[in-house]
């Protein structure tokens, strides 16, 4: 299927996302920090990057910016538990494919990934 990167500092949430997406047949790399995500994205090409917004030091918008700067075709899904209309607009203006407010059903994430993969 596709190569995905999951960026989430909460261990249980990261494991849940990784496991769910792997069951759908995707190859998933999962990291706990924005710095690790940027390093991974500089070394590998991902079809979709799923990043939390609230990360220590390097936030999800910085991950979004660096990923899109390296490869504009990579779709980025930003998720957060502190959603505001301003944050969503900023993320979308920076090129986010989808903006998900936590908590969300895993089916919503799966649909977002499918949509991202179907977008040229």
C-alpha atoms as a PDB file:
ATOM      1  CA  UNK A   1       0.000   0.000   0.000  1.00  0.00           C
ATOM      2  CA  UNK A   2       1.647   3.248   1.149  1.00  0.00           C
ATOM      3  CA  UNK A   3       4.550   4.445   3.242  1.00  0.00           C
ATOM      4  CA  UNK A   4       3.377   6.514   6.220  1.00  0.00           C
ATOM      5  CA  UNK A   5       5.035   8.457   9.029  1.00  0.00           C
ATOM      6  CA  UNK A   6       3.218   8.882  12.352  1.00  0.00           C
ATOM      7  CA  UNK A   7       4.449  11.606  14.712  1.00  0.00           C
ATOM      8  CA  UNK A   8       2.941  11.404  18.201  1.00  0.00           C
ATOM      9  CA  UNK A   9       4.606  11.920  21.585  1.00  0.00           C
ATOM     10  CA  UNK A  10       1.995   9.940  23.530  1.00  0.00           C
ATOM     11  CA  UNK A  11       3.200   6.328  23.477  1.00  0.00           C
ATOM     12  CA  UNK A  12      -0.235   4.672  23.581  1.00  0.00           C
ATOM     13  CA  UNK A  13      -1.701   6.936  20.903  1.00  0.00           C
ATOM     14  CA  UNK A  14       1.354   6.418  18.668  1.00  0.00           C
ATOM     15  CA  UNK A  15       1.111   2.645  19.059  1.00  0.00           C
ATOM     16  CA  UNK A  16      -2.637   2.690  18.348  1.00  0.00           C
ATOM     17  CA  UNK A  17      -2.236   4.741  15.162  1.00  0.00           C
ATOM     18  CA  UNK A  18       0.715   2.673  13.968  1.00  0.00           C
ATOM     19  CA  UNK A  19      -1.043  -0.635  14.611  1.00  0.00           C
ATOM     20  CA  UNK A  20      -4.287   0.469  12.967  1.00  0.00           C
ATOM     21  CA  UNK A  21      -2.560   1.713   9.817  1.00  0.00           C
ATOM     22  CA  UNK A  22      -0.328  -1.362   9.552  1.00  0.00           C
ATOM     23  CA  UNK A  23      -3.427  -3.582   9.724  1.00  0.00           C
ATOM     24  CA  UNK A  24      -4.643  -1.700   6.650  1.00  0.00           C
ATOM     25  CA  UNK A  25      -1.495  -2.852   4.843  1.00  0.00           C
ATOM     26  CA  UNK A  26       0.582   0.303   5.080  1.00  0.00           C
ATOM     27  CA  UNK A  27       4.253   0.495   5.970  1.00  0.00           C
ATOM     28  CA  UNK A  28       4.395   2.759   9.009  1.00  0.00           C
ATOM     29  CA  UNK A  29       7.302   4.476  10.714  1.00  0.00           C
ATOM     30  CA  UNK A  30       6.382   6.020  14.065  1.00  0.00           C
ATOM     31  CA  UNK A  31       8.384   8.610  15.976  1.00  0.00           C
ATOM     32  CA  UNK A  32       7.836  10.538  19.202  1.00  0.00           C
ATOM     33  CA  UNK A  33       9.176  13.991  18.344  1.00  0.00           C
ATOM     34  CA  UNK A  34       9.133  16.659  15.688  1.00  0.00           C
ATOM     35  CA  UNK A  35      12.908  16.487  15.397  1.00  0.00           C
ATOM     36  CA  UNK A  36      12.777  12.740  14.708  1.00  0.00           C
ATOM     37  CA  UNK A  37       9.983  13.304  12.181  1.00  0.00           C
ATOM     38  CA  UNK A  38      11.964  15.912  10.271  1.00  0.00           C
ATOM     39  CA  UNK A  39      15.032  13.668  10.233  1.00  0.00           C
ATOM     40  CA  UNK A  40      12.964  10.719   8.974  1.00  0.00           C
ATOM     41  CA  UNK A  41      11.283  12.844   6.301  1.00  0.00           C
ATOM     42  CA  UNK A  42      14.653  14.090   5.070  1.00  0.00           C
ATOM     43  CA  UNK A  43      15.903  10.505   4.702  1.00  0.00           C
ATOM     44  CA  UNK A  44      12.806   8.801   3.250  1.00  0.00           C
ATOM     45  CA  UNK A  45       9.883   9.625   1.000  1.00  0.00           C
ATOM     46  CA  UNK A  46       6.490   9.201   2.644  1.00  0.00           C
ATOM     47  CA  UNK A  47       3.133   9.278   0.930  1.00  0.00           C
ATOM     48  CA  UNK A  48       1.444  10.638   4.057  1.00  0.00           C
ATOM     49  CA  UNK A  49       2.727  12.160   7.295  1.00  0.00           C
ATOM     50  CA  UNK A  50       0.353  12.183  10.264  1.00  0.00           C
ATOM     51  CA  UNK A  51       1.559  14.576  12.940  1.00  0.00           C
ATOM     52  CA  UNK A  52       0.338  15.748  16.288  1.00  0.00           C
ATOM     53  CA  UNK A  53       0.437  19.519  16.698  1.00  0.00           C
ATOM     54  CA  UNK A  54       1.525  19.599  20.362  1.00  0.00           C
ATOM     55  CA  UNK A  55       4.988  18.099  20.358  1.00  0.00           C
ATOM     56  CA  UNK A  56       7.911  19.035  22.597  1.00  0.00           C
ATOM     57  CA  UNK A  57      10.310  21.608  21.073  1.00  0.00           C
ATOM     58  CA  UNK A  58       9.370  21.224  17.385  1.00  0.00           C
ATOM     59  CA  UNK A  59       5.605  21.387  16.874  1.00  0.00           C
ATOM     60  CA  UNK A  60       3.506  19.759  14.185  1.00  0.00           C
ATOM     61  CA  UNK A  61       3.339  22.887  12.034  1.00  0.00           C
ATOM     62  CA  UNK A  62       7.124  22.940  11.849  1.00  0.00           C
ATOM     63  CA  UNK A  63       6.999  19.294  10.787  1.00  0.00           C
ATOM     64  CA  UNK A  64       4.365  20.200   8.177  1.00  0.00           C
ATOM     65  CA  UNK A  65       6.471  23.062   6.828  1.00  0.00           C
ATOM     66  CA  UNK A  66       9.662  20.995   6.564  1.00  0.00           C
ATOM     67  CA  UNK A  67       7.925  17.993   4.975  1.00  0.00           C
ATOM     68  CA  UNK A  68       6.157  20.146   2.373  1.00  0.00           C
ATOM     69  CA  UNK A  69       9.374  22.082   1.663  1.00  0.00           C
ATOM     70  CA  UNK A  70      11.182  18.828   0.879  1.00  0.00           C
ATOM     71  CA  UNK A  71       8.383  17.151  -1.049  1.00  0.00           C
ATOM     72  CA  UNK A  72       5.222  19.166  -1.838  1.00  0.00           C
ATOM     73  CA  UNK A  73       3.419  16.000  -2.987  1.00  0.00           C
ATOM     74  CA  UNK A  74       3.562  14.461   0.488  1.00  0.00           C
ATOM     75  CA  UNK A  75       0.168  14.815   2.139  1.00  0.00           C
ATOM     76  CA  UNK A  76       0.226  15.899   5.789  1.00  0.00           C
ATOM     77  CA  UNK A  77      -2.536  15.287   8.294  1.00  0.00           C
ATOM     78  CA  UNK A  78      -2.361  17.425  11.443  1.00  0.00           C
ATOM     79  CA  UNK A  79      -4.138  16.235  14.584  1.00  0.00           C
ATOM     80  CA  UNK A  80      -4.557  18.071  17.870  1.00  0.00           C
ATOM     81  CA  UNK A  81      -6.428  18.165  21.117  1.00  0.00           C
ATOM     82  CA  UNK A  82      -6.252  21.978  21.206  1.00  0.00           C
ATOM     83  CA  UNK A  83      -8.034  22.824  17.972  1.00  0.00           C
ATOM     84  CA  UNK A  84      -9.003  26.393  17.199  1.00  0.00           C
ATOM     85  CA  UNK A  85     -10.290  27.845  13.933  1.00  0.00           C
ATOM     86  CA  UNK A  86      -7.107  29.945  13.711  1.00  0.00           C
ATOM     87  CA  UNK A  87      -4.843  26.912  14.116  1.00  0.00           C
ATOM     88  CA  UNK A  88      -6.819  24.944  11.533  1.00  0.00           C
ATOM     89  CA  UNK A  89      -6.633  27.832   9.053  1.00  0.00           C
ATOM     90  CA  UNK A  90      -2.898  28.203   9.623  1.00  0.00           C
ATOM     91  CA  UNK A  91      -2.311  24.479   9.094  1.00  0.00           C
ATOM     92  CA  UNK A  92      -4.410  24.414   5.915  1.00  0.00           C
ATOM     93  CA  UNK A  93      -2.706  27.576   4.606  1.00  0.00           C
ATOM     94  CA  UNK A  94       0.630  25.802   5.126  1.00  0.00           C
ATOM     95  CA  UNK A  95      -0.581  22.864   3.032  1.00  0.00           C
ATOM     96  CA  UNK A  96      -2.150  20.431   5.500  1.00  0.00           C
ATOM     97  CA  UNK A  97      -4.402  17.950   3.712  1.00  0.00           C
ATOM     98  CA  UNK A  98      -6.570  17.343   6.765  1.00  0.00           C
ATOM     99  CA  UNK A  99      -6.942  18.736  10.283  1.00  0.00           C
ATOM    100  CA  UNK A 100      -8.306  16.321  12.895  1.00  0.00           C
ATOM    101  CA  UNK A 101      -9.456  17.270  16.368  1.00  0.00           C
ATOM    102  CA  UNK A 102      -8.702  14.707  19.092  1.00  0.00           C
ATOM    103  CA  UNK A 103     -10.277  12.554  20.179  1.00  0.00           C
ATOM    104  CA  UNK A 104     -11.480  11.041  16.930  1.00  0.00           C
ATOM    105  CA  UNK A 105     -12.534   7.534  15.924  1.00  0.00           C
ATOM    106  CA  UNK A 106      -9.798   5.587  14.158  1.00  0.00           C
ATOM    107  CA  UNK A 107     -12.186   5.251  11.216  1.00  0.00           C
ATOM    108  CA  UNK A 108     -11.889   9.028  10.701  1.00  0.00           C
ATOM    109  CA  UNK A 109      -8.113   8.751  10.483  1.00  0.00           C
ATOM    110  CA  UNK A 110      -8.378   5.827   8.082  1.00  0.00           C
ATOM    111  CA  UNK A 111     -10.693   7.866   5.846  1.00  0.00           C
ATOM    112  CA  UNK A 112      -8.309  10.829   5.966  1.00  0.00           C
ATOM    113  CA  UNK A 113      -5.385   8.616   4.951  1.00  0.00           C
ATOM    114  CA  UNK A 114      -7.410   7.069   2.112  1.00  0.00           C
ATOM    115  CA  UNK A 115      -8.368  10.557   0.905  1.00  0.00           C
ATOM    116  CA  UNK A 116      -4.762  11.732   1.091  1.00  0.00           C
ATOM    117  CA  UNK A 117      -3.584   8.730  -0.909  1.00  0.00           C
ATOM    118  CA  UNK A 118      -6.258   9.326  -3.551  1.00  0.00           C
ATOM    119  CA  UNK A 119      -5.194  12.953  -4.018  1.00  0.00           C
ATOM    120  CA  UNK A 120      -2.685  13.477  -6.836  1.00  0.00           C
END
